[in-house]
Amino acid sequence: MQRTLARGGGEAGCALRSFDGFRAAEGHRACTGHAAPARSRLPFVVEANKRVVKRQKVVLRKDVTGLGKSGELTKVPNGYYRNWLLPQGLAAPATQGILAGIEKDKQDVEKRERERKAKAKAMATALQTIGKFIVKKKVGEQDQIFGSVTTAEIVAAIAQQTGRELDKRDVELPEIKKVGTYDARVRLHPEVVGDFKVVVQREKNA
């Protein structure tokens, strides 16, 4: 790299001639004693970390809109629990004892549900085994029945043969206008349906 220093003038000055990337103007200012203008600097911004909200497990003592129902386990911010849920008696800390109680209650509910479903399946099997339930009605011309066959009559016929009283709202019947055999069903459980037949016969002396 070549460079040439030239001395001259009354003040010890120099002119820095630049070759291969050296800046002559800056060299000149340095030699003549003139300060270089300050460089502009970009603002240095430090972003603070977001505050971490601490949460804790609680058990709801009452239904809380948007949070859950009584007895449910949930997580809430510490401040929300301290300032609102606790003073209002809406929640309690989820201690080991409470958690054990919740688990036991859950197991009890599951056990009762299994028993209810098993009972429904047994009833569905009984309905299928019996097969048909007879209802007698007054009959007019061309085997047309007077009135209609109601779900209450079906429930009574089932109770007479099985000893179990069903909810008439769970019975589904087709439109029945004359004597004959019809398919029907009853919902015994959200997952269990019992199918059977309804036989409509002429009432004696009718």
Protein backbone atom coordinates (compact mmCIF):
# COMPACT_ATOMS: atom_id res chain seq x y z
CA MET A 1 0.00 0.00 0.00
CA GLN A 2 1.38 3.39 -0.99
CA ARG A 3 1.06 6.56 1.02
CA THR A 4 2.78 9.94 0.86
CA LEU A 5 3.18 12.40 3.75
CA ALA A 6 3.85 16.03 2.80
CA ARG A 7 4.90 18.53 5.43
CA GLY A 8 4.38 22.21 4.91
CA GLY A 9 2.89 25.47 6.20
CA GLY A 10 3.49 27.16 9.48
CA GLU A 11 1.58 24.54 11.44
CA ALA A 12 2.81 20.98 11.45
CA GLY A 13 0.25 19.74 9.03
CA CYS A 14 0.07 16.92 6.64
CA ALA A 15 -2.02 15.94 3.72
CA LEU A 16 -2.74 12.28 3.68
CA ARG A 17 -3.16 11.17 0.16
CA SER A 18 -5.20 8.09 0.01
CA PHE A 19 -4.68 5.10 -2.13
CA ASP A 20 -6.42 1.73 -1.93
CA GLY A 21 -9.26 2.71 0.46
CA PHE A 22 -7.74 5.37 2.79
CA ARG A 23 -9.91 8.48 3.12
CA ALA A 24 -7.85 11.60 2.37
CA ALA A 25 -10.41 14.01 3.83
CA GLU A 26 -10.43 12.34 7.22
CA GLY A 27 -6.65 12.16 7.23
CA HIS A 28 -6.49 15.80 6.45
CA ARG A 29 -8.81 16.77 9.30
CA ALA A 30 -6.80 14.64 11.70
CA CYS A 31 -3.57 16.29 10.66
CA THR A 32 -4.92 19.84 10.77
CA GLY A 33 -6.43 19.36 14.22
CA HIS A 34 -10.07 19.79 13.16
CA ALA A 35 -12.39 17.37 14.97
CA ALA A 36 -14.44 15.05 12.81
CA PRO A 37 -18.20 15.54 13.07
CA ALA A 38 -19.92 13.14 15.48
CA ARG A 39 -21.56 10.20 13.81
CA SER A 40 -25.29 9.79 14.20
CA ARG A 41 -26.24 6.91 16.43
CA LEU A 42 -29.39 4.81 16.34
CA PRO A 43 -31.40 4.82 19.57
CA PHE A 44 -30.65 1.85 21.76
CA VAL A 45 -33.91 0.33 22.95
CA VAL A 46 -34.14 -2.32 25.64
CA GLU A 47 -37.43 -4.20 25.81
CA ALA A 48 -38.37 -5.48 29.23
CA ASN A 49 -39.53 -9.07 29.48
CA LYS A 50 -43.28 -9.51 29.86
CA ARG A 51 -44.36 -10.14 33.39
CA VAL A 52 -45.10 -13.80 34.03
CA VAL A 53 -48.48 -14.25 35.67
CA LYS A 54 -48.28 -16.85 38.41
CA ARG A 55 -51.17 -19.28 38.61
CA GLN A 56 -52.37 -21.85 41.10
CA LYS A 57 -54.72 -24.83 41.15
CA VAL A 58 -58.03 -24.30 42.90
CA VAL A 59 -61.27 -26.20 43.37
CA LEU A 60 -64.46 -24.27 42.63
CA ARG A 61 -66.96 -24.27 45.49
CA LYS A 62 -69.68 -22.72 43.33
CA ASP A 63 -70.39 -22.31 39.62
CA VAL A 64 -68.34 -19.42 38.20
CA THR A 65 -69.30 -18.06 34.79
CA GLY A 66 -66.47 -18.48 32.30
CA LEU A 67 -64.43 -20.55 34.74
CA GLY A 68 -66.27 -23.77 35.56
CA LYS A 69 -68.82 -25.56 37.70
CA SER A 70 -68.80 -26.37 41.37
CA GLY A 71 -66.35 -29.15 42.22
CA GLU A 72 -64.20 -28.66 39.13
CA LEU A 73 -60.43 -28.28 39.31
CA THR A 74 -58.92 -25.33 37.45
CA LYS A 75 -55.92 -22.97 37.33
CA VAL A 76 -56.32 -19.24 37.98
CA PRO A 77 -53.97 -16.26 38.45
CA ASN A 78 -52.87 -15.84 42.07
CA GLY A 79 -54.22 -12.30 42.25
CA TYR A 80 -57.63 -13.32 40.91
CA TYR A 81 -57.87 -16.05 43.50
CA ARG A 82 -56.63 -13.88 46.36
CA ASN A 83 -58.69 -10.80 45.56
CA TRP A 84 -61.95 -12.30 44.31
CA LEU A 85 -62.48 -16.06 44.45
CA LEU A 86 -61.28 -16.55 48.02
CA PRO A 87 -63.10 -13.57 49.63
CA GLN A 88 -66.32 -14.54 47.85
CA GLY A 89 -66.02 -18.17 48.93
CA LEU A 90 -66.02 -19.31 45.30
CA ALA A 91 -62.88 -21.47 45.40
CA ALA A 92 -60.43 -23.22 47.71
CA PRO A 93 -56.77 -24.24 47.26
CA ALA A 94 -56.31 -27.62 45.61
CA THR A 95 -54.61 -29.44 48.48
CA GLN A 96 -53.62 -33.10 48.31
CA GLY A 97 -56.62 -34.01 50.45
CA ILE A 98 -59.04 -32.18 48.18
CA LEU A 99 -57.45 -33.68 45.06
CA ALA A 100 -57.81 -37.17 46.56
CA GLY A 101 -61.48 -36.45 47.31
CA ILE A 102 -62.08 -35.25 43.75
CA GLU A 103 -60.49 -38.39 42.35
CA LYS A 104 -62.66 -40.59 44.58
CA ASP A 105 -65.79 -38.71 43.55
CA LYS A 106 -64.81 -39.13 39.92
CA GLN A 107 -64.37 -42.87 40.36
CA ASP A 108 -67.74 -43.12 42.13
CA VAL A 109 -69.46 -41.27 39.27
CA GLU A 110 -67.80 -43.54 36.70
CA LYS A 111 -68.87 -46.62 38.67
CA ARG A 112 -72.49 -45.45 38.85
CA GLU A 113 -72.45 -44.69 35.14
CA ARG A 114 -71.15 -48.19 34.33
CA GLU A 115 -73.90 -49.69 36.49
CA ARG A 116 -76.57 -47.52 34.83
CA LYS A 117 -75.36 -48.52 31.38
CA ALA A 118 -75.25 -52.21 32.33
CA LYS A 119 -78.82 -51.97 33.66
CA ALA A 120 -79.94 -50.34 30.41
CA LYS A 121 -78.32 -53.08 28.35
CA ALA A 122 -80.04 -55.73 30.46
CA MET A 123 -83.40 -54.04 29.86
CA ALA A 124 -82.73 -53.83 26.12
CA THR A 125 -82.03 -57.57 26.13
CA ALA A 126 -85.29 -58.21 28.02
CA LEU A 127 -87.31 -56.17 25.52
CA GLN A 128 -85.73 -58.05 22.63
CA THR A 129 -86.36 -61.40 24.33
CA ILE A 130 -90.03 -60.66 25.03
CA GLY A 131 -90.25 -59.29 21.54
CA LYS A 132 -93.74 -57.78 21.49
CA PHE A 133 -96.21 -55.98 23.72
CA ILE A 134 -99.94 -56.13 23.10
CA VAL A 135 -102.29 -53.18 23.24
CA LYS A 136 -106.02 -53.67 22.75
CA LYS A 137 -108.11 -50.94 21.18
CA LYS A 138 -111.66 -50.40 20.02
CA VAL A 139 -111.82 -50.91 16.28
CA GLY A 140 -114.19 -49.59 13.62
CA GLU A 141 -114.58 -50.34 9.95
CA GLN A 142 -111.57 -51.63 7.98
CA ASP A 143 -109.72 -52.31 11.24
CA GLN A 144 -109.35 -48.59 11.94
CA ILE A 145 -108.80 -47.98 15.65
CA PHE A 146 -110.66 -45.36 17.64
CA GLY A 147 -108.29 -42.75 19.05
CA SER A 148 -104.59 -43.53 19.06
CA VAL A 149 -102.02 -45.76 20.74
CA THR A 150 -100.19 -43.64 23.31
CA THR A 151 -96.73 -43.96 24.81
CA ALA A 152 -98.38 -44.21 28.25
CA GLU A 153 -100.17 -47.40 27.12
CA ILE A 154 -96.87 -48.85 25.87
CA VAL A 155 -95.10 -48.04 29.14
CA ALA A 156 -97.92 -49.74 31.07
CA ALA A 157 -97.69 -52.86 28.88
CA ILE A 158 -93.91 -53.04 29.35
CA ALA A 159 -94.19 -52.56 33.12
CA GLN A 160 -96.76 -55.37 33.33
CA GLN A 161 -94.37 -57.88 31.76
CA THR A 162 -90.99 -56.66 33.00
CA GLY A 163 -91.80 -55.00 36.30
CA ARG A 164 -89.85 -51.91 35.27
CA GLU A 165 -91.47 -48.52 34.82
CA LEU A 166 -89.99 -46.56 31.92
CA ASP A 167 -90.31 -42.87 31.11
CA LYS A 168 -92.96 -42.43 28.42
CA ARG A 169 -90.94 -39.52 27.00
CA ASP A 170 -88.24 -42.02 26.02
CA VAL A 171 -90.61 -44.16 23.93
CA GLU A 172 -90.70 -43.67 20.15
CA LEU A 173 -93.78 -44.89 18.30
CA PRO A 174 -94.73 -44.79 14.63
CA GLU A 175 -98.14 -43.49 13.56
CA ILE A 176 -100.67 -46.19 14.43
CA LYS A 177 -104.15 -45.99 12.90
CA LYS A 178 -105.25 -49.58 12.62
CA VAL A 179 -104.70 -53.03 14.09
CA GLY A 180 -101.42 -54.72 13.26
CA THR A 181 -97.78 -55.05 14.34
CA TYR A 182 -95.49 -52.05 14.53
CA ASP A 183 -91.80 -51.47 15.28
CA ALA A 184 -91.07 -49.27 18.29
CA ARG A 185 -88.12 -48.35 20.45
CA VAL A 186 -87.23 -46.80 23.80
CA ARG A 187 -84.09 -44.89 24.73
CA LEU A 188 -82.81 -46.51 27.91
CA HIS A 189 -79.47 -44.69 28.09
CA PRO A 190 -77.61 -42.13 25.96
CA GLU A 191 -75.78 -45.07 24.39
CA VAL A 192 -78.42 -47.83 24.66
CA VAL A 193 -81.68 -48.21 22.73
CA GLY A 194 -84.21 -51.03 23.19
CA ASP A 195 -86.17 -52.25 20.16
CA PHE A 196 -89.46 -54.11 20.39
CA LYS A 197 -92.78 -54.58 18.61
CA VAL A 198 -96.21 -53.24 19.47
CA VAL A 199 -99.13 -55.47 18.54
CA VAL A 200 -102.44 -53.65 18.30
CA GLN A 201 -105.41 -56.00 18.63
CA ARG A 202 -109.15 -55.64 18.58
CA GLU A 203 -110.68 -55.20 21.98
CA LYS A 204 -113.20 -57.95 22.82
CA ASN A 205 -116.87 -57.11 22.40
CA ALA A 206 -115.86 -54.08 20.35
